[in-house]
Amino acid sequence: MGTYIDIGVIAIFAIALIVGLIKGFNKQITKLLGTFGALLVGLVGAYFLANLVAQLNMFSGVVNTFSGIFSGMAGASTEVTSAEELKTALESGPLLIFSFMVETVWAAMQALNFTTAAMYCGYLMLWIICYIVLFIVLYIIVKLLFKGLRKLFEAINRMVVFKILDKLLGAVWAVAMLYAFLVVIGLTGTEIIITKWVSGSAENLYGFLQSSKVLTFIHNTNYLGKMIAGQFQIELPQLVFAG
C-alpha cells in the first residue's frame, strides 16, 4: 500500500511541476497577487473612502432619507440621552438586535451627534451601501491594473532567456504552493486537530504516514509545520518508515 501512496504523492507534485512549466511564473503570480491585492485594496481602501464620503454634507442629507425607513419602527424615533435609555427604546421594537451592543451603538451615536436609533440605522445602512460600491470599484481597478501588468510581462517574456526563466520559476512556484497548501497547512492542520482534540487517533495517523516512505520524509522535513504546531503546544514526532 505504501508504494501506491508514494506513487500517488509523487504524481500530484509532478502534475504541479508540469502545470507550472506550462503556465509560467508570470501568469500564476499576477493572477494570485491580482486577486488577493484587489481584495486587500478593496476591503481596506473602501473603508477609508467610505468614511471620507460620510463626512460630506451631501451624505448627511441622504442619511435623513434613509432614516425615514426606520423611523416608523417602535422605539426607533425615541430620542435618548444615555445608553440605558437607548437600550430601553431598542428593546421595544424590531431593532432589538442592537440592544446587545448598546454601548458600542451609543458611543457611535454620540460621535455622530445622533439622538435616535433611526438616525443611526439610516447612517449605517447608507455607509454600508457606499462601502460595497467602493469595494467593487476598487476591486475592478486593481484587477485591471494587474491584467495590464501581466500583458507587459508577457511582452518581455517573448525574449527566449526571460521565457525560459519564467517557465522554470513557474514550475518552482507551482510546487511550492502545492507544498504549502497540502503539507504546511493541510497535513499540519490535520495533525494538530487529531493530536489536540481527537484523542486516540494520533497513532493511526502516524501509522498511516509511516507506511509511506514519501509521506514519512515529508512529515519529518515539515519544519514550518513543526513551528506552527509549537504555537499550539504540540510537538510533532520524528517518524521512522515502517515499510
C-alpha atoms as a PDB file:
ATOM      1  CA  MET A   1       0.000   0.000   0.000  1.00  0.00           C
ATOM      2  CA  GLY A   2       2.845   2.356   0.868  1.00  0.00           C
ATOM      3  CA  THR A   3       4.227   2.071  -2.650  1.00  0.00           C
ATOM      4  CA  TYR A   4       0.928   3.174  -4.191  1.00  0.00           C
ATOM      5  CA  ILE A   5       0.750   6.129  -1.791  1.00  0.00           C
ATOM      6  CA  ASP A   6       4.296   7.119  -2.760  1.00  0.00           C
ATOM      7  CA  ILE A   7       3.419   6.947  -6.458  1.00  0.00           C
ATOM      8  CA  GLY A   8       0.249   8.990  -5.885  1.00  0.00           C
ATOM      9  CA  VAL A   9       2.029  11.748  -3.943  1.00  0.00           C
ATOM     10  CA  ILE A  10       4.887  11.958  -6.454  1.00  0.00           C
ATOM     11  CA  ALA A  11       2.354  12.075  -9.306  1.00  0.00           C
ATOM     12  CA  ILE A  12       0.496  15.002  -7.697  1.00  0.00           C
ATOM     13  CA  PHE A  13       3.700  17.022  -7.341  1.00  0.00           C
ATOM     14  CA  ALA A  14       4.785  16.021 -10.877  1.00  0.00           C
ATOM     15  CA  ILE A  15       1.488  17.345 -12.265  1.00  0.00           C
ATOM     16  CA  ALA A  16       2.004  20.616 -10.369  1.00  0.00           C
ATOM     17  CA  LEU A  17       5.512  20.843 -11.821  1.00  0.00           C
ATOM     18  CA  ILE A  18       4.257  20.320 -15.383  1.00  0.00           C
ATOM     19  CA  VAL A  19       1.367  22.762 -14.986  1.00  0.00           C
ATOM     20  CA  GLY A  20       3.799  25.327 -13.566  1.00  0.00           C
ATOM     21  CA  LEU A  21       6.105  24.872 -16.536  1.00  0.00           C
ATOM     22  CA  ILE A  22       3.229  25.319 -18.977  1.00  0.00           C
ATOM     23  CA  LYS A  23       1.665  28.350 -17.279  1.00  0.00           C
ATOM     24  CA  GLY A  24       4.907  30.045 -16.284  1.00  0.00           C
ATOM     25  CA  PHE A  25       5.584  32.262 -13.295  1.00  0.00           C
ATOM     26  CA  ASN A  26       4.061  35.451 -14.720  1.00  0.00           C
ATOM     27  CA  LYS A  27       0.534  34.100 -15.198  1.00  0.00           C
ATOM     28  CA  GLN A  28       0.465  32.392 -11.820  1.00  0.00           C
ATOM     29  CA  ILE A  29       1.851  35.214  -9.681  1.00  0.00           C
ATOM     30  CA  THR A  30      -0.011  38.085 -11.351  1.00  0.00           C
ATOM     31  CA  LYS A  31      -3.297  36.173 -11.146  1.00  0.00           C
ATOM     32  CA  LEU A  32      -2.731  35.309  -7.480  1.00  0.00           C
ATOM     33  CA  LEU A  33      -1.499  38.760  -6.490  1.00  0.00           C
ATOM     34  CA  GLY A  34      -4.187  40.355  -8.620  1.00  0.00           C
ATOM     35  CA  THR A  35      -6.940  38.546  -6.737  1.00  0.00           C
ATOM     36  CA  PHE A  36      -5.517  38.988  -3.232  1.00  0.00           C
ATOM     37  CA  GLY A  37      -4.279  42.505  -3.983  1.00  0.00           C
ATOM     38  CA  ALA A  38      -7.688  43.528  -5.304  1.00  0.00           C
ATOM     39  CA  LEU A  39      -9.397  42.055  -2.240  1.00  0.00           C
ATOM     40  CA  LEU A  40      -6.999  43.774   0.165  1.00  0.00           C
ATOM     41  CA  VAL A  41      -7.144  47.156  -1.561  1.00  0.00           C
ATOM     42  CA  GLY A  42     -10.907  46.840  -1.898  1.00  0.00           C
ATOM     43  CA  LEU A  43     -11.547  45.909   1.726  1.00  0.00           C
ATOM     44  CA  VAL A  44      -9.167  48.454   3.271  1.00  0.00           C
ATOM     45  CA  GLY A  45      -9.479  51.231   0.696  1.00  0.00           C
ATOM     46  CA  ALA A  46     -13.284  51.113   0.659  1.00  0.00           C
ATOM     47  CA  TYR A  47     -13.337  51.501   4.449  1.00  0.00           C
ATOM     48  CA  PHE A  48     -11.279  54.695   4.410  1.00  0.00           C
ATOM     49  CA  LEU A  49     -13.051  56.124   1.371  1.00  0.00           C
ATOM     50  CA  ALA A  50     -16.485  55.352   2.837  1.00  0.00           C
ATOM     51  CA  ASN A  51     -15.513  57.269   5.974  1.00  0.00           C
ATOM     52  CA  LEU A  52     -14.391  60.223   3.837  1.00  0.00           C
ATOM     53  CA  VAL A  53     -17.661  60.165   1.890  1.00  0.00           C
ATOM     54  CA  ALA A  54     -19.580  60.061   5.184  1.00  0.00           C
ATOM     55  CA  GLN A  55     -18.089  63.454   6.070  1.00  0.00           C
ATOM     56  CA  LEU A  56     -19.628  65.160   3.019  1.00  0.00           C
ATOM     57  CA  ASN A  57     -22.674  67.390   3.510  1.00  0.00           C
ATOM     58  CA  MET A  58     -24.458  65.505   0.742  1.00  0.00           C
ATOM     59  CA  PHE A  59     -24.068  62.274   2.697  1.00  0.00           C
ATOM     60  CA  SER A  60     -25.723  63.821   5.764  1.00  0.00           C
ATOM     61  CA  GLY A  61     -28.662  64.898   3.609  1.00  0.00           C
ATOM     62  CA  VAL A  62     -29.173  61.401   2.243  1.00  0.00           C
ATOM     63  CA  VAL A  63     -28.903  59.928   5.769  1.00  0.00           C
ATOM     64  CA  ASN A  64     -32.133  61.732   6.681  1.00  0.00           C
ATOM     65  CA  THR A  65     -33.885  59.980   3.788  1.00  0.00           C
ATOM     66  CA  PHE A  66     -32.585  56.566   4.858  1.00  0.00           C
ATOM     67  CA  SER A  67     -33.509  57.263   8.479  1.00  0.00           C
ATOM     68  CA  GLY A  68     -37.119  57.518   7.343  1.00  0.00           C
ATOM     69  CA  ILE A  69     -37.036  53.799   6.546  1.00  0.00           C
ATOM     70  CA  PHE A  70     -36.571  53.043  10.239  1.00  0.00           C
ATOM     71  CA  SER A  71     -38.481  55.937  11.831  1.00  0.00           C
ATOM     72  CA  GLY A  72     -41.781  54.022  11.817  1.00  0.00           C
ATOM     73  CA  MET A  73     -40.346  51.155  13.861  1.00  0.00           C
ATOM     74  CA  ALA A  74     -41.195  51.004  17.548  1.00  0.00           C
ATOM     75  CA  GLY A  75     -38.589  52.796  19.669  1.00  0.00           C
ATOM     76  CA  ALA A  76     -36.532  53.882  16.666  1.00  0.00           C
ATOM     77  CA  SER A  77     -37.655  57.518  16.764  1.00  0.00           C
ATOM     78  CA  THR A  78     -37.463  57.857  20.542  1.00  0.00           C
ATOM     79  CA  GLU A  79     -34.894  60.499  21.494  1.00  0.00           C
ATOM     80  CA  VAL A  80     -32.383  59.183  24.014  1.00  0.00           C
ATOM     81  CA  THR A  81     -29.693  60.774  26.165  1.00  0.00           C
ATOM     82  CA  SER A  82     -27.937  57.721  27.564  1.00  0.00           C
ATOM     83  CA  ALA A  83     -27.063  54.109  26.778  1.00  0.00           C
ATOM     84  CA  GLU A  84     -29.716  52.945  29.268  1.00  0.00           C
ATOM     85  CA  GLU A  85     -32.449  54.933  27.515  1.00  0.00           C
ATOM     86  CA  LEU A  86     -31.263  53.630  24.148  1.00  0.00           C
ATOM     87  CA  LYS A  87     -31.430  50.044  25.379  1.00  0.00           C
ATOM     88  CA  THR A  88     -34.963  50.552  26.658  1.00  0.00           C
ATOM     89  CA  ALA A  89     -36.040  52.082  23.339  1.00  0.00           C
ATOM     90  CA  LEU A  90     -34.445  49.297  21.296  1.00  0.00           C
ATOM     91  CA  GLU A  91     -35.965  46.501  23.374  1.00  0.00           C
ATOM     92  CA  SER A  92     -39.444  47.701  22.492  1.00  0.00           C
ATOM     93  CA  GLY A  93     -39.115  47.207  18.733  1.00  0.00           C
ATOM     94  CA  PRO A  94     -37.611  45.237  15.823  1.00  0.00           C
ATOM     95  CA  LEU A  95     -34.173  46.845  16.355  1.00  0.00           C
ATOM     96  CA  LEU A  96     -33.741  44.598  19.389  1.00  0.00           C
ATOM     97  CA  ILE A  97     -30.531  43.144  17.946  1.00  0.00           C
ATOM     98  CA  PHE A  98     -28.727  46.438  18.630  1.00  0.00           C
ATOM     99  CA  SER A  99     -29.604  46.241  22.339  1.00  0.00           C
ATOM    100  CA  PHE A 100     -26.931  43.539  22.745  1.00  0.00           C
ATOM    101  CA  MET A 101     -24.226  46.023  21.740  1.00  0.00           C
ATOM    102  CA  VAL A 102     -25.866  49.134  23.090  1.00  0.00           C
ATOM    103  CA  GLU A 103     -22.636  50.635  24.459  1.00  0.00           C
ATOM    104  CA  THR A 104     -20.981  50.489  21.023  1.00  0.00           C
ATOM    105  CA  VAL A 105     -24.054  51.905  19.289  1.00  0.00           C
ATOM    106  CA  TRP A 106     -24.413  54.681  21.844  1.00  0.00           C
ATOM    107  CA  ALA A 107     -20.739  55.648  21.514  1.00  0.00           C
ATOM    108  CA  ALA A 108     -21.172  55.853  17.734  1.00  0.00           C
ATOM    109  CA  MET A 109     -24.350  57.910  18.104  1.00  0.00           C
ATOM    110  CA  GLN A 110     -22.571  60.369  20.400  1.00  0.00           C
ATOM    111  CA  ALA A 111     -19.693  60.725  17.927  1.00  0.00           C
ATOM    112  CA  LEU A 112     -22.185  61.431  15.133  1.00  0.00           C
ATOM    113  CA  ASN A 113     -24.453  63.651  17.275  1.00  0.00           C
ATOM    114  CA  PHE A 114     -27.455  61.371  16.715  1.00  0.00           C
ATOM    115  CA  THR A 115     -30.275  61.206  19.257  1.00  0.00           C
ATOM    116  CA  THR A 116     -32.425  58.406  17.798  1.00  0.00           C
ATOM    117  CA  ALA A 117     -31.796  54.837  16.703  1.00  0.00           C
ATOM    118  CA  ALA A 118     -33.472  55.603  13.365  1.00  0.00           C
ATOM    119  CA  MET A 119     -30.818  58.201  12.536  1.00  0.00           C
ATOM    120  CA  TYR A 120     -28.027  55.782  13.378  1.00  0.00           C
ATOM    121  CA  CYS A 121     -29.586  52.932  11.365  1.00  0.00           C
ATOM    122  CA  GLY A 122     -30.052  55.261   8.374  1.00  0.00           C
ATOM    123  CA  TYR A 123     -26.407  56.309   8.606  1.00  0.00           C
ATOM    124  CA  LEU A 124     -25.216  52.700   8.957  1.00  0.00           C
ATOM    125  CA  MET A 125     -27.288  51.497   6.008  1.00  0.00           C
ATOM    126  CA  LEU A 126     -26.020  54.271   3.728  1.00  0.00           C
ATOM    127  CA  TRP A 127     -22.406  53.729   4.881  1.00  0.00           C
ATOM    128  CA  ILE A 128     -22.635  50.008   4.081  1.00  0.00           C
ATOM    129  CA  ILE A 129     -24.020  50.742   0.605  1.00  0.00           C
ATOM    130  CA  CYS A 130     -21.165  53.199  -0.039  1.00  0.00           C
ATOM    131  CA  TYR A 131     -18.645  50.668   1.237  1.00  0.00           C
ATOM    132  CA  ILE A 132     -19.923  47.913  -1.072  1.00  0.00           C
ATOM    133  CA  VAL A 133     -19.951  50.185  -4.129  1.00  0.00           C
ATOM    134  CA  LEU A 134     -16.443  51.500  -3.391  1.00  0.00           C
ATOM    135  CA  PHE A 135     -15.152  47.971  -2.777  1.00  0.00           C
ATOM    136  CA  ILE A 136     -16.447  46.801  -6.166  1.00  0.00           C
ATOM    137  CA  VAL A 137     -14.935  49.822  -7.945  1.00  0.00           C
ATOM    138  CA  LEU A 138     -11.527  49.427  -6.265  1.00  0.00           C
ATOM    139  CA  TYR A 139     -11.515  45.659  -6.847  1.00  0.00           C
ATOM    140  CA  ILE A 140     -12.152  46.109 -10.577  1.00  0.00           C
ATOM    141  CA  ILE A 141      -9.494  48.841 -10.883  1.00  0.00           C
ATOM    142  CA  VAL A 142      -6.792  46.742  -9.197  1.00  0.00           C
ATOM    143  CA  LYS A 143      -7.703  43.647 -11.225  1.00  0.00           C
ATOM    144  CA  LEU A 144      -7.386  45.683 -14.437  1.00  0.00           C
ATOM    145  CA  LEU A 145      -4.018  47.051 -13.314  1.00  0.00           C
ATOM    146  CA  PHE A 146      -2.672  43.554 -12.697  1.00  0.00           C
ATOM    147  CA  LYS A 147      -4.093  42.408 -16.021  1.00  0.00           C
ATOM    148  CA  GLY A 148      -2.128  45.179 -17.723  1.00  0.00           C
ATOM    149  CA  LEU A 149       0.961  44.199 -15.738  1.00  0.00           C
ATOM    150  CA  ARG A 150       0.580  40.611 -16.890  1.00  0.00           C
ATOM    151  CA  LYS A 151       0.378  41.750 -20.515  1.00  0.00           C
ATOM    152  CA  LEU A 152       3.565  43.755 -20.017  1.00  0.00           C
ATOM    153  CA  PHE A 153       5.432  40.749 -18.613  1.00  0.00           C
ATOM    154  CA  GLU A 154       4.111  38.584 -21.431  1.00  0.00           C
ATOM    155  CA  ALA A 155       5.685  41.015 -23.895  1.00  0.00           C
ATOM    156  CA  ILE A 156       9.006  40.820 -22.042  1.00  0.00           C
ATOM    157  CA  ASN A 157       8.798  37.014 -21.939  1.00  0.00           C
ATOM    158  CA  ARG A 158       8.898  36.864 -25.724  1.00  0.00           C
ATOM    159  CA  MET A 159      12.677  37.074 -25.296  1.00  0.00           C
ATOM    160  CA  VAL A 160      13.999  33.497 -25.123  1.00  0.00           C
ATOM    161  CA  VAL A 161      16.072  33.993 -21.951  1.00  0.00           C
ATOM    162  CA  PHE A 162      13.181  35.502 -19.989  1.00  0.00           C
ATOM    163  CA  LYS A 163      10.756  32.916 -21.346  1.00  0.00           C
ATOM    164  CA  ILE A 164      12.910  30.029 -20.074  1.00  0.00           C
ATOM    165  CA  LEU A 165      13.364  31.743 -16.722  1.00  0.00           C
ATOM    166  CA  ASP A 166       9.609  32.353 -16.480  1.00  0.00           C
ATOM    167  CA  LYS A 167       8.874  28.666 -17.127  1.00  0.00           C
ATOM    168  CA  LEU A 168      11.417  27.466 -14.541  1.00  0.00           C
ATOM    169  CA  LEU A 169      10.192  29.893 -11.888  1.00  0.00           C
ATOM    170  CA  GLY A 170       6.621  28.867 -12.727  1.00  0.00           C
ATOM    171  CA  ALA A 171       7.442  25.217 -12.038  1.00  0.00           C
ATOM    172  CA  VAL A 172       9.126  26.053  -8.709  1.00  0.00           C
ATOM    173  CA  TRP A 173       6.249  28.336  -7.692  1.00  0.00           C
ATOM    174  CA  ALA A 174       3.568  25.727  -8.521  1.00  0.00           C
ATOM    175  CA  VAL A 175       5.321  23.021  -6.494  1.00  0.00           C
ATOM    176  CA  ALA A 176       5.936  25.441  -3.606  1.00  0.00           C
ATOM    177  CA  MET A 177       2.251  26.481  -3.499  1.00  0.00           C
ATOM    178  CA  LEU A 178       1.116  22.855  -3.591  1.00  0.00           C
ATOM    179  CA  TYR A 179       3.533  22.007  -0.769  1.00  0.00           C
ATOM    180  CA  ALA A 180       2.312  24.965   1.279  1.00  0.00           C
ATOM    181  CA  PHE A 181      -1.366  24.037   0.954  1.00  0.00           C
ATOM    182  CA  LEU A 182      -1.094  20.242   1.207  1.00  0.00           C
ATOM    183  CA  VAL A 183       1.741  19.886   3.711  1.00  0.00           C
ATOM    184  CA  VAL A 184       2.255  23.068   5.736  1.00  0.00           C
ATOM    185  CA  ILE A 185      -1.469  23.824   6.018  1.00  0.00           C
ATOM    186  CA  GLY A 186      -3.273  20.543   5.270  1.00  0.00           C
ATOM    187  CA  LEU A 187      -1.057  17.933   6.926  1.00  0.00           C
ATOM    188  CA  THR A 188      -0.032  20.163   9.836  1.00  0.00           C
ATOM    189  CA  GLY A 189      -3.638  21.209  10.457  1.00  0.00           C
ATOM    190  CA  THR A 190      -4.774  17.584  10.453  1.00  0.00           C
ATOM    191  CA  GLU A 191      -2.029  16.563  12.888  1.00  0.00           C
ATOM    192  CA  ILE A 192      -2.827  19.459  15.243  1.00  0.00           C
ATOM    193  CA  ILE A 193      -6.575  18.753  15.241  1.00  0.00           C
ATOM    194  CA  ILE A 194      -6.169  14.999  15.776  1.00  0.00           C
ATOM    195  CA  THR A 195      -3.442  15.351  18.423  1.00  0.00           C
ATOM    196  CA  LYS A 196      -5.233  18.063  20.384  1.00  0.00           C
ATOM    197  CA  TRP A 197      -8.910  17.229  20.036  1.00  0.00           C
ATOM    198  CA  VAL A 198      -9.345  13.659  18.708  1.00  0.00           C
ATOM    199  CA  SER A 199      -7.762  11.518  21.393  1.00  0.00           C
ATOM    200  CA  GLY A 200      -6.603   8.056  20.432  1.00  0.00           C
ATOM    201  CA  SER A 201      -6.438   8.742  16.694  1.00  0.00           C
ATOM    202  CA  ALA A 202      -2.895  10.125  16.538  1.00  0.00           C
ATOM    203  CA  GLU A 203      -1.330   6.647  16.464  1.00  0.00           C
ATOM    204  CA  ASN A 204      -3.488   5.656  13.464  1.00  0.00           C
ATOM    205  CA  LEU A 205      -2.500   8.845  11.610  1.00  0.00           C
ATOM    206  CA  TYR A 206       1.213   8.398  12.258  1.00  0.00           C
ATOM    207  CA  GLY A 207       0.956   4.707  11.385  1.00  0.00           C
ATOM    208  CA  PHE A 208      -0.514   5.684   8.026  1.00  0.00           C
ATOM    209  CA  LEU A 209       2.258   8.244   7.415  1.00  0.00           C
ATOM    210  CA  GLN A 210       4.944   5.680   8.342  1.00  0.00           C
ATOM    211  CA  SER A 211       3.584   3.231   5.777  1.00  0.00           C
ATOM    212  CA  SER A 212       4.795   5.584   3.034  1.00  0.00           C
ATOM    213  CA  LYS A 213       8.443   6.487   2.530  1.00  0.00           C
ATOM    214  CA  VAL A 214       7.472   9.764   0.816  1.00  0.00           C
ATOM    215  CA  LEU A 215       4.929  10.777   3.489  1.00  0.00           C
ATOM    216  CA  THR A 216       7.419   9.929   6.237  1.00  0.00           C
ATOM    217  CA  PHE A 217      10.020  12.140   4.576  1.00  0.00           C
ATOM    218  CA  ILE A 218       7.506  14.971   4.032  1.00  0.00           C
ATOM    219  CA  HIS A 219       6.380  14.810   7.659  1.00  0.00           C
ATOM    220  CA  ASN A 220       9.925  14.771   9.062  1.00  0.00           C
ATOM    221  CA  THR A 221      11.031  17.713   6.900  1.00  0.00           C
ATOM    222  CA  ASN A 222       7.914  19.813   7.546  1.00  0.00           C
ATOM    223  CA  TYR A 223       9.829  22.375   9.617  1.00  0.00           C
ATOM    224  CA  LEU A 224       7.287  25.165   9.123  1.00  0.00           C
ATOM    225  CA  GLY A 225       4.556  22.796  10.268  1.00  0.00           C
ATOM    226  CA  LYS A 226       6.522  21.962  13.401  1.00  0.00           C
ATOM    227  CA  MET A 227       6.849  25.672  14.178  1.00  0.00           C
ATOM    228  CA  ILE A 228       3.093  26.156  13.708  1.00  0.00           C
ATOM    229  CA  ALA A 229       2.305  23.128  15.879  1.00  0.00           C
ATOM    230  CA  GLY A 230       4.593  24.561  18.554  1.00  0.00           C
ATOM    231  CA  GLN A 231       2.270  27.550  18.842  1.00  0.00           C
ATOM    232  CA  PHE A 232      -0.414  25.092  19.993  1.00  0.00           C
ATOM    233  CA  GLN A 233       1.988  23.455  22.479  1.00  0.00           C
ATOM    234  CA  ILE A 234       2.202  20.364  20.256  1.00  0.00           C
ATOM    235  CA  GLU A 235       5.462  18.657  19.366  1.00  0.00           C
ATOM    236  CA  LEU A 236       5.235  16.670  16.141  1.00  0.00           C
ATOM    237  CA  PRO A 237       7.207  13.401  16.467  1.00  0.00           C
ATOM    238  CA  GLN A 238      10.026  12.278  14.197  1.00  0.00           C
ATOM    239  CA  LEU A 239       8.759   9.238  12.303  1.00  0.00           C
ATOM    240  CA  VAL A 240      10.599   6.156  11.004  1.00  0.00           C
ATOM    241  CA  PHE A 241       9.494   4.494   7.776  1.00  0.00           C
ATOM    242  CA  ALA A 242       7.862   1.182   8.693  1.00  0.00           C
ATOM    243  CA  GLY A 243       7.881  -0.405   5.236  1.00  0.00           C
END
